[in-house]
Amino acid sequence: MSDSRTPEESPTGADDGPERPPRYEQVIRWAEYVKANPPEVWGPQQNAVVNGQIESAQAVDVSAEEKQRIRAFARAELDEAADSETESTE
């Protein structure tokens, strides 16, 4: 899903650089919005997004084996991210 407020991807498909993933600016924009507004304003918005993601995931018919494969992949990704954070702080 694209965000019409973000610049179009470059013809080469590159983002702004290795330290600036494609959605970095959107995360920064959300963080600034959260800081500028009380939880009563942004909380329901965030809940709607999360609930929508949960509903979408529940609507997908996935076998038990596929769920296990997805969980294993997620665990491996989280472990790799944690290892990267540990290495960068040392």
PDB file of N, CA and C in Angstrom:
ATOM      1  N   MET A   1       0.851  -1.173   0.000  1.00  0.00           N
ATOM      2  CA  MET A   1       0.000   0.000   0.000  1.00  0.00           C
ATOM      3  C   MET A   1       0.892   1.230   0.000  1.00  0.00           C
ATOM      4  N   SER A   2       0.591   2.158  -0.871  1.00  0.00           N
ATOM      5  CA  SER A   2       1.424   3.347  -0.951  1.00  0.00           C
ATOM      6  C   SER A   2       0.812   4.491  -0.163  1.00  0.00           C
ATOM      7  N   ASP A   3       1.639   5.444   0.159  1.00  0.00           N
ATOM      8  CA  ASP A   3       1.213   6.639   0.862  1.00  0.00           C
ATOM      9  C   ASP A   3       1.390   7.792  -0.109  1.00  0.00           C
ATOM     10  N   SER A   4       0.307   8.434  -0.513  1.00  0.00           N
ATOM     11  CA  SER A   4       0.386   9.470  -1.529  1.00  0.00           C
ATOM     12  C   SER A   4       1.185  10.684  -1.070  1.00  0.00           C
ATOM     13  N   ARG A   5       1.455  10.788   0.227  1.00  0.00           N
ATOM     14  CA  ARG A   5       2.210  11.932   0.727  1.00  0.00           C
ATOM     15  C   ARG A   5       3.719  11.692   0.700  1.00  0.00           C
ATOM     16  N   THR A   6       4.140  10.475   0.354  1.00  0.00           N
ATOM     17  CA  THR A   6       5.565  10.194   0.310  1.00  0.00           C
ATOM     18  C   THR A   6       6.049  10.314  -1.118  1.00  0.00           C
ATOM     19  N   PRO A   7       7.316  10.675  -1.324  1.00  0.00           N
ATOM     20  CA  PRO A   7       7.831  10.804  -2.683  1.00  0.00           C
ATOM     21  C   PRO A   7       7.839   9.456  -3.399  1.00  0.00           C
ATOM     22  N   GLU A   8       7.713   9.526  -4.700  1.00  0.00           N
ATOM     23  CA  GLU A   8       7.753   8.308  -5.500  1.00  0.00           C
ATOM     24  C   GLU A   8       9.118   7.658  -5.393  1.00  0.00           C
ATOM     25  N   GLU A   9       9.116   6.355  -5.532  1.00  0.00           N
ATOM     26  CA  GLU A   9      10.362   5.603  -5.476  1.00  0.00           C
ATOM     27  C   GLU A   9      11.219   5.988  -6.677  1.00  0.00           C
ATOM     28  N   SER A  10      12.518   6.031  -6.485  1.00  0.00           N
ATOM     29  CA  SER A  10      13.403   6.381  -7.579  1.00  0.00           C
ATOM     30  C   SER A  10      13.364   5.300  -8.650  1.00  0.00           C
ATOM     31  N   PRO A  11      13.732   5.620  -9.896  1.00  0.00           N
ATOM     32  CA  PRO A  11      13.681   4.638 -10.973  1.00  0.00           C
ATOM     33  C   PRO A  11      14.534   3.409 -10.695  1.00  0.00           C
ATOM     34  N   THR A  12      15.585   3.560  -9.911  1.00  0.00           N
ATOM     35  CA  THR A  12      16.443   2.421  -9.606  1.00  0.00           C
ATOM     36  C   THR A  12      15.903   1.593  -8.459  1.00  0.00           C
ATOM     37  N   GLY A  13      14.877   2.087  -7.778  1.00  0.00           N
ATOM     38  CA  GLY A  13      14.288   1.368  -6.653  1.00  0.00           C
ATOM     39  C   GLY A  13      15.046   1.588  -5.354  1.00  0.00           C
ATOM     40  N   ALA A  14      16.016   2.473  -5.347  1.00  0.00           N
ATOM     41  CA  ALA A  14      16.812   2.716  -4.143  1.00  0.00           C
ATOM     42  C   ALA A  14      16.065   3.650  -3.198  1.00  0.00           C
ATOM     43  N   ASP A  15      16.332   3.484  -1.900  1.00  0.00           N
ATOM     44  CA  ASP A  15      15.749   4.403  -0.934  1.00  0.00           C
ATOM     45  C   ASP A  15      16.755   5.509  -0.660  1.00  0.00           C
ATOM     46  N   ASP A  16      16.587   6.220   0.426  1.00  0.00           N
ATOM     47  CA  ASP A  16      17.466   7.352   0.724  1.00  0.00           C
ATOM     48  C   ASP A  16      18.855   6.946   1.183  1.00  0.00           C
ATOM     49  N   GLY A  17      19.113   5.695   1.335  1.00  0.00           N
ATOM     50  CA  GLY A  17      20.417   5.229   1.784  1.00  0.00           C
ATOM     51  C   GLY A  17      20.255   4.093   2.760  1.00  0.00           C
ATOM     52  N   PRO A  18      21.354   3.443   3.115  1.00  0.00           N
ATOM     53  CA  PRO A  18      21.257   2.274   3.976  1.00  0.00           C
ATOM     54  C   PRO A  18      20.734   2.572   5.377  1.00  0.00           C
ATOM     55  N   GLU A  19      20.951   3.779   5.887  1.00  0.00           N
ATOM     56  CA  GLU A  19      20.487   4.087   7.235  1.00  0.00           C
ATOM     57  C   GLU A  19      19.086   4.703   7.242  1.00  0.00           C
ATOM     58  N   ARG A  20      18.455   4.840   6.090  1.00  0.00           N
ATOM     59  CA  ARG A  20      17.120   5.431   6.020  1.00  0.00           C
ATOM     60  C   ARG A  20      16.185   4.505   5.255  1.00  0.00           C
ATOM     61  N   PRO A  21      15.614   3.515   5.949  1.00  0.00           N
ATOM     62  CA  PRO A  21      14.670   2.611   5.287  1.00  0.00           C
ATOM     63  C   PRO A  21      13.502   3.386   4.689  1.00  0.00           C
ATOM     64  N   PRO A  22      12.792   2.807   3.727  1.00  0.00           N
ATOM     65  CA  PRO A  22      11.740   3.528   2.994  1.00  0.00           C
ATOM     66  C   PRO A  22      10.664   4.170   3.861  1.00  0.00           C
ATOM     67  N   ARG A  23      10.312   3.582   4.997  1.00  0.00           N
ATOM     68  CA  ARG A  23       9.227   4.133   5.802  1.00  0.00           C
ATOM     69  C   ARG A  23       9.732   4.945   6.997  1.00  0.00           C
ATOM     70  N   TYR A  24      10.992   5.262   7.015  1.00  0.00           N
ATOM     71  CA  TYR A  24      11.584   6.004   8.127  1.00  0.00           C
ATOM     72  C   TYR A  24      10.860   7.325   8.367  1.00  0.00           C
ATOM     73  N   GLU A  25      10.613   8.076   7.297  1.00  0.00           N
ATOM     74  CA  GLU A  25       9.961   9.373   7.442  1.00  0.00           C
ATOM     75  C   GLU A  25       8.553   9.228   8.006  1.00  0.00           C
ATOM     76  N   GLN A  26       7.848   8.152   7.634  1.00  0.00           N
ATOM     77  CA  GLN A  26       6.508   7.934   8.154  1.00  0.00           C
ATOM     78  C   GLN A  26       6.544   7.653   9.654  1.00  0.00           C
ATOM     79  N   VAL A  27       7.547   6.925  10.090  1.00  0.00           N
ATOM     80  CA  VAL A  27       7.691   6.639  11.524  1.00  0.00           C
ATOM     81  C   VAL A  27       7.982   7.932  12.276  1.00  0.00           C
ATOM     82  N   ILE A  28       8.861   8.744  11.735  1.00  0.00           N
ATOM     83  CA  ILE A  28       9.187  10.038  12.359  1.00  0.00           C
ATOM     84  C   ILE A  28       7.933  10.910  12.426  1.00  0.00           C
ATOM     85  N   ARG A  29       7.176  10.953  11.334  1.00  0.00           N
ATOM     86  CA  ARG A  29       5.956  11.764  11.295  1.00  0.00           C
ATOM     87  C   ARG A  29       4.958  11.288  12.353  1.00  0.00           C
ATOM     88  N   TRP A  30       4.808   9.964  12.513  1.00  0.00           N
ATOM     89  CA  TRP A  30       3.886   9.429  13.523  1.00  0.00           C
ATOM     90  C   TRP A  30       4.374   9.778  14.928  1.00  0.00           C
ATOM     91  N   ALA A  31       5.665   9.649  15.174  1.00  0.00           N
ATOM     92  CA  ALA A  31       6.214   9.966  16.495  1.00  0.00           C
ATOM     93  C   ALA A  31       5.966  11.437  16.839  1.00  0.00           C
ATOM     94  N   GLU A  32       6.153  12.309  15.873  1.00  0.00           N
ATOM     95  CA  GLU A  32       5.897  13.735  16.113  1.00  0.00           C
ATOM     96  C   GLU A  32       4.420  13.985  16.390  1.00  0.00           C
ATOM     97  N   TYR A  33       3.544  13.285  15.677  1.00  0.00           N
ATOM     98  CA  TYR A  33       2.099  13.413  15.884  1.00  0.00           C
ATOM     99  C   TYR A  33       1.718  12.958  17.286  1.00  0.00           C
ATOM    100  N   VAL A  34       2.292  11.830  17.720  1.00  0.00           N
ATOM    101  CA  VAL A  34       2.001  11.299  19.055  1.00  0.00           C
ATOM    102  C   VAL A  34       2.476  12.268  20.137  1.00  0.00           C
ATOM    103  N   LYS A  35       3.639  12.866  19.925  1.00  0.00           N
ATOM    104  CA  LYS A  35       4.149  13.834  20.906  1.00  0.00           C
ATOM    105  C   LYS A  35       3.277  15.082  20.980  1.00  0.00           C
ATOM    106  N   ALA A  36       2.709  15.476  19.838  1.00  0.00           N
ATOM    107  CA  ALA A  36       1.954  16.725  19.773  1.00  0.00           C
ATOM    108  C   ALA A  36       0.492  16.580  20.183  1.00  0.00           C
ATOM    109  N   ASN A  37       0.004  15.339  20.276  1.00  0.00           N
ATOM    110  CA  ASN A  37      -1.410  15.118  20.570  1.00  0.00           C
ATOM    111  C   ASN A  37      -1.570  14.187  21.758  1.00  0.00           C
ATOM    112  N   PRO A  38      -2.656  14.382  22.529  1.00  0.00           N
ATOM    113  CA  PRO A  38      -2.884  13.502  23.682  1.00  0.00           C
ATOM    114  C   PRO A  38      -3.293  12.097  23.225  1.00  0.00           C
ATOM    115  N   PRO A  39      -3.114  11.101  24.095  1.00  0.00           N
ATOM    116  CA  PRO A  39      -3.482   9.722  23.748  1.00  0.00           C
ATOM    117  C   PRO A  39      -4.950   9.569  23.355  1.00  0.00           C
ATOM    118  N   GLU A  40      -5.799  10.440  23.863  1.00  0.00           N
ATOM    119  CA  GLU A  40      -7.212  10.365  23.513  1.00  0.00           C
ATOM    120  C   GLU A  40      -7.439  10.610  22.017  1.00  0.00           C
ATOM    121  N   VAL A  41      -6.509  11.324  21.379  1.00  0.00           N
ATOM    122  CA  VAL A  41      -6.627  11.615  19.947  1.00  0.00           C
ATOM    123  C   VAL A  41      -6.016  10.483  19.114  1.00  0.00           C
ATOM    124  N   TRP A  42      -4.755  10.135  19.401  1.00  0.00           N
ATOM    125  CA  TRP A  42      -4.084   9.155  18.541  1.00  0.00           C
ATOM    126  C   TRP A  42      -4.337   7.713  18.951  1.00  0.00           C
ATOM    127  N   GLY A  43      -4.758   7.476  20.194  1.00  0.00           N
ATOM    128  CA  GLY A  43      -4.999   6.108  20.655  1.00  0.00           C
ATOM    129  C   GLY A  43      -6.030   5.358  19.828  1.00  0.00           C
ATOM    130  N   PRO A  44      -7.221   5.935  19.629  1.00  0.00           N
ATOM    131  CA  PRO A  44      -8.217   5.235  18.804  1.00  0.00           C
ATOM    132  C   PRO A  44      -7.748   5.006  17.368  1.00  0.00           C
ATOM    133  N   GLN A  45      -6.957   5.930  16.843  1.00  0.00           N
ATOM    134  CA  GLN A  45      -6.428   5.756  15.487  1.00  0.00           C
ATOM    135  C   GLN A  45      -5.477   4.561  15.433  1.00  0.00           C
ATOM    136  N   GLN A  46      -4.600   4.490  16.414  1.00  0.00           N
ATOM    137  CA  GLN A  46      -3.654   3.376  16.457  1.00  0.00           C
ATOM    138  C   GLN A  46      -4.405   2.059  16.676  1.00  0.00           C
ATOM    139  N   ASN A  47      -5.397   2.058  17.557  1.00  0.00           N
ATOM    140  CA  ASN A  47      -6.189   0.853  17.791  1.00  0.00           C
ATOM    141  C   ASN A  47      -6.874   0.385  16.514  1.00  0.00           C
ATOM    142  N   ALA A  48      -7.392   1.315  15.717  1.00  0.00           N
ATOM    143  CA  ALA A  48      -8.064   0.945  14.467  1.00  0.00           C
ATOM    144  C   ALA A  48      -7.092   0.271  13.502  1.00  0.00           C
ATOM    145  N   VAL A  49      -5.873   0.785  13.428  1.00  0.00           N
ATOM    146  CA  VAL A  49      -4.870   0.180  12.544  1.00  0.00           C
ATOM    147  C   VAL A  49      -4.507  -1.223  13.026  1.00  0.00           C
ATOM    148  N   VAL A  50      -4.232  -1.358  14.302  1.00  0.00           N
ATOM    149  CA  VAL A  50      -3.853  -2.662  14.857  1.00  0.00           C
ATOM    150  C   VAL A  50      -5.001  -3.651  14.715  1.00  0.00           C
ATOM    151  N   ASN A  51      -6.215  -3.224  15.045  1.00  0.00           N
ATOM    152  CA  ASN A  51      -7.366  -4.116  14.916  1.00  0.00           C
ATOM    153  C   ASN A  51      -7.569  -4.548  13.466  1.00  0.00           C
ATOM    154  N   GLY A  52      -7.365  -3.644  12.535  1.00  0.00           N
ATOM    155  CA  GLY A  52      -7.475  -3.986  11.116  1.00  0.00           C
ATOM    156  C   GLY A  52      -6.454  -5.024  10.698  1.00  0.00           C
ATOM    157  N   GLN A  53      -5.234  -4.884  11.213  1.00  0.00           N
ATOM    158  CA  GLN A  53      -4.193  -5.862  10.899  1.00  0.00           C
ATOM    159  C   GLN A  53      -4.540  -7.236  11.480  1.00  0.00           C
ATOM    160  N   ILE A  54      -5.058  -7.248  12.692  1.00  0.00           N
ATOM    161  CA  ILE A  54      -5.450  -8.512  13.325  1.00  0.00           C
ATOM    162  C   ILE A  54      -6.586  -9.162  12.542  1.00  0.00           C
ATOM    163  N   GLU A  55      -7.586  -8.377  12.159  1.00  0.00           N
ATOM    164  CA  GLU A  55      -8.704  -8.915  11.386  1.00  0.00           C
ATOM    165  C   GLU A  55      -8.241  -9.464  10.054  1.00  0.00           C
ATOM    166  N   SER A  56      -7.324  -8.775   9.401  1.00  0.00           N
ATOM    167  CA  SER A  56      -6.798  -9.256   8.122  1.00  0.00           C
ATOM    168  C   SER A  56      -6.052 -10.571   8.303  1.00  0.00           C
ATOM    169  N   ALA A  57      -5.260 -10.648   9.346  1.00  0.00           N
ATOM    170  CA  ALA A  57      -4.503 -11.876   9.602  1.00  0.00           C
ATOM    171  C   ALA A  57      -5.441 -13.034   9.920  1.00  0.00           C
ATOM    172  N   GLN A  58      -6.504 -12.765  10.666  1.00  0.00           N
ATOM    173  CA  GLN A  58      -7.451 -13.819  11.013  1.00  0.00           C
ATOM    174  C   GLN A  58      -8.257 -14.281   9.807  1.00  0.00           C
ATOM    175  N   ALA A  59      -8.422 -13.423   8.823  1.00  0.00           N
ATOM    176  CA  ALA A  59      -9.201 -13.771   7.635  1.00  0.00           C
ATOM    177  C   ALA A  59      -8.444 -14.707   6.698  1.00  0.00           C
ATOM    178  N   VAL A  60      -7.147 -14.807   6.865  1.00  0.00           N
ATOM    179  CA  VAL A  60      -6.329 -15.662   6.010  1.00  0.00           C
ATOM    180  C   VAL A  60      -6.392 -17.086   6.549  1.00  0.00           C
ATOM    181  N   ASP A  61      -6.702 -18.003   5.653  1.00  0.00           N
ATOM    182  CA  ASP A  61      -6.779 -19.410   6.038  1.00  0.00           C
ATOM    183  C   ASP A  61      -5.376 -20.007   5.943  1.00  0.00           C
ATOM    184  N   VAL A  62      -4.741 -20.230   7.085  1.00  0.00           N
ATOM    185  CA  VAL A  62      -3.374 -20.737   7.133  1.00  0.00           C
ATOM    186  C   VAL A  62      -3.357 -22.046   7.913  1.00  0.00           C
ATOM    187  N   SER A  63      -2.639 -23.021   7.384  1.00  0.00           N
ATOM    188  CA  SER A  63      -2.541 -24.310   8.063  1.00  0.00           C
ATOM    189  C   SER A  63      -1.669 -24.186   9.311  1.00  0.00           C
ATOM    190  N   ALA A  64      -1.779 -25.188  10.194  1.00  0.00           N
ATOM    191  CA  ALA A  64      -0.973 -25.197  11.418  1.00  0.00           C
ATOM    192  C   ALA A  64       0.510 -25.226  11.078  1.00  0.00           C
ATOM    193  N   GLU A  65       0.874 -25.976  10.038  1.00  0.00           N
ATOM    194  CA  GLU A  65       2.288 -26.054   9.635  1.00  0.00           C
ATOM    195  C   GLU A  65       2.798 -24.704   9.154  1.00  0.00           C
ATOM    196  N   GLU A  66       1.956 -24.006   8.397  1.00  0.00           N
ATOM    197  CA  GLU A  66       2.354 -22.687   7.897  1.00  0.00           C
ATOM    198  C   GLU A  66       2.485 -21.692   9.044  1.00  0.00           C
ATOM    199  N   LYS A  67       1.597 -21.762  10.032  1.00  0.00           N
ATOM    200  CA  LYS A  67       1.711 -20.896  11.202  1.00  0.00           C
ATOM    201  C   LYS A  67       3.027 -21.146  11.935  1.00  0.00           C
ATOM    202  N   GLN A  68       3.405 -22.419  12.080  1.00  0.00           N
ATOM    203  CA  GLN A  68       4.667 -22.740  12.747  1.00  0.00           C
ATOM    204  C   GLN A  68       5.849 -22.187  11.956  1.00  0.00           C
ATOM    205  N   ARG A  69       5.793 -22.299  10.617  1.00  0.00           N
ATOM    206  CA  ARG A  69       6.872 -21.780   9.774  1.00  0.00           C
ATOM    207  C   ARG A  69       6.973 -20.262   9.918  1.00  0.00           C
ATOM    208  N   ILE A  70       5.830 -19.592   9.963  1.00  0.00           N
ATOM    209  CA  ILE A  70       5.815 -18.132  10.105  1.00  0.00           C
ATOM    210  C   ILE A  70       6.367 -17.723  11.462  1.00  0.00           C
ATOM    211  N   ARG A  71       5.958 -18.427  12.515  1.00  0.00           N
ATOM    212  CA  ARG A  71       6.466 -18.117  13.858  1.00  0.00           C
ATOM    213  C   ARG A  71       7.976 -18.336  13.945  1.00  0.00           C
ATOM    214  N   ALA A  72       8.457 -19.422  13.351  1.00  0.00           N
ATOM    215  CA  ALA A  72       9.899 -19.704  13.354  1.00  0.00           C
ATOM    216  C   ALA A  72      10.651 -18.597  12.626  1.00  0.00           C
ATOM    217  N   PHE A  73      10.107 -18.153  11.503  1.00  0.00           N
ATOM    218  CA  PHE A  73      10.733 -17.066  10.752  1.00  0.00           C
ATOM    219  C   PHE A  73      10.768 -15.783  11.586  1.00  0.00           C
ATOM    220  N   ALA A  74       9.638 -15.460  12.228  1.00  0.00           N
ATOM    221  CA  ALA A  74       9.569 -14.248  13.050  1.00  0.00           C
ATOM    222  C   ALA A  74      10.572 -14.311  14.203  1.00  0.00           C
ATOM    223  N   ARG A  75      10.664 -15.486  14.857  1.00  0.00           N
ATOM    224  CA  ARG A  75      11.632 -15.630  15.951  1.00  0.00           C
ATOM    225  C   ARG A  75      13.058 -15.418  15.449  1.00  0.00           C
ATOM    226  N   ALA A  76      13.377 -16.001  14.298  1.00  0.00           N
ATOM    227  CA  ALA A  76      14.720 -15.851  13.733  1.00  0.00           C
ATOM    228  C   ALA A  76      15.016 -14.388  13.410  1.00  0.00           C
ATOM    229  N   GLU A  77      14.033 -13.690  12.852  1.00  0.00           N
ATOM    230  CA  GLU A  77      14.220 -12.274  12.534  1.00  0.00           C
ATOM    231  C   GLU A  77      14.421 -11.439  13.800  1.00  0.00           C
ATOM    232  N   LEU A  78      13.624 -11.710  14.823  1.00  0.00           N
ATOM    233  CA  LEU A  78      13.770 -10.977  16.081  1.00  0.00           C
ATOM    234  C   LEU A  78      15.111 -11.267  16.736  1.00  0.00           C
ATOM    235  N   ASP A  79      15.538 -12.533  16.693  1.00  0.00           N
ATOM    236  CA  ASP A  79      16.846 -12.882  17.253  1.00  0.00           C
ATOM    237  C   ASP A  79      17.960 -12.169  16.501  1.00  0.00           C
ATOM    238  N   GLU A  80      17.856 -12.128  15.175  1.00  0.00           N
ATOM    239  CA  GLU A  80      18.874 -11.452  14.368  1.00  0.00           C
ATOM    240  C   GLU A  80      18.908  -9.955  14.669  1.00  0.00           C
ATOM    241  N   ALA A  81      17.734  -9.352  14.827  1.00  0.00           N
ATOM    242  CA  ALA A  81      17.667  -7.925  15.148  1.00  0.00           C
ATOM    243  C   ALA A  81      18.267  -7.658  16.526  1.00  0.00           C
ATOM    244  N   ALA A  82      17.985  -8.530  17.483  1.00  0.00           N
ATOM    245  CA  ALA A  82      18.543  -8.364  18.826  1.00  0.00           C
ATOM    246  C   ALA A  82      20.054  -8.512  18.802  1.00  0.00           C
ATOM    247  N   ASP A  83      20.545  -9.474  18.018  1.00  0.00           N
ATOM    248  CA  ASP A  83      21.998  -9.659  17.899  1.00  0.00           C
ATOM    249  C   ASP A  83      22.640  -8.430  17.274  1.00  0.00           C
ATOM    250  N   SER A  84      21.993  -7.862  16.260  1.00  0.00           N
ATOM    251  CA  SER A  84      22.524  -6.655  15.598  1.00  0.00           C
ATOM    252  C   SER A  84      22.580  -5.485  16.571  1.00  0.00           C
ATOM    253  N   GLU A  85      21.547  -5.343  17.394  1.00  0.00           N
ATOM    254  CA  GLU A  85      21.532  -4.258  18.385  1.00  0.00           C
ATOM    255  C   GLU A  85      22.643  -4.447  19.398  1.00  0.00           C
ATOM    256  N   THR A  86      22.851  -5.676  19.831  1.00  0.00           N
ATOM    257  CA  THR A  86      23.893  -5.979  20.802  1.00  0.00           C
ATOM    258  C   THR A  86      25.265  -5.656  20.229  1.00  0.00           C
ATOM    259  N   GLU A  87      25.490  -6.036  18.969  1.00  0.00           N
ATOM    260  CA  GLU A  87      26.781  -5.764  18.324  1.00  0.00           C
ATOM    261  C   GLU A  87      27.024  -4.280  18.151  1.00  0.00           C
ATOM    262  N   SER A  88      25.958  -3.523  17.845  1.00  0.00           N
ATOM    263  CA  SER A  88      26.133  -2.093  17.596  1.00  0.00           C
ATOM    264  C   SER A  88      26.378  -1.309  18.877  1.00  0.00           C
ATOM    265  N   THR A  89      25.980  -1.854  20.016  1.00  0.00           N
ATOM    266  CA  THR A  89      26.200  -1.146  21.276  1.00  0.00           C
ATOM    267  C   THR A  89      27.527  -1.511  21.931  1.00  0.00           C
ATOM    268  N   GLU A  90      28.162  -2.540  21.397  1.00  0.00           N
ATOM    269  CA  GLU A  90      29.454  -2.952  21.992  1.00  0.00           C
ATOM    270  C   GLU A  90      30.606  -2.171  21.446  1.00  0.00           C
TER     271      GLU A  90
END
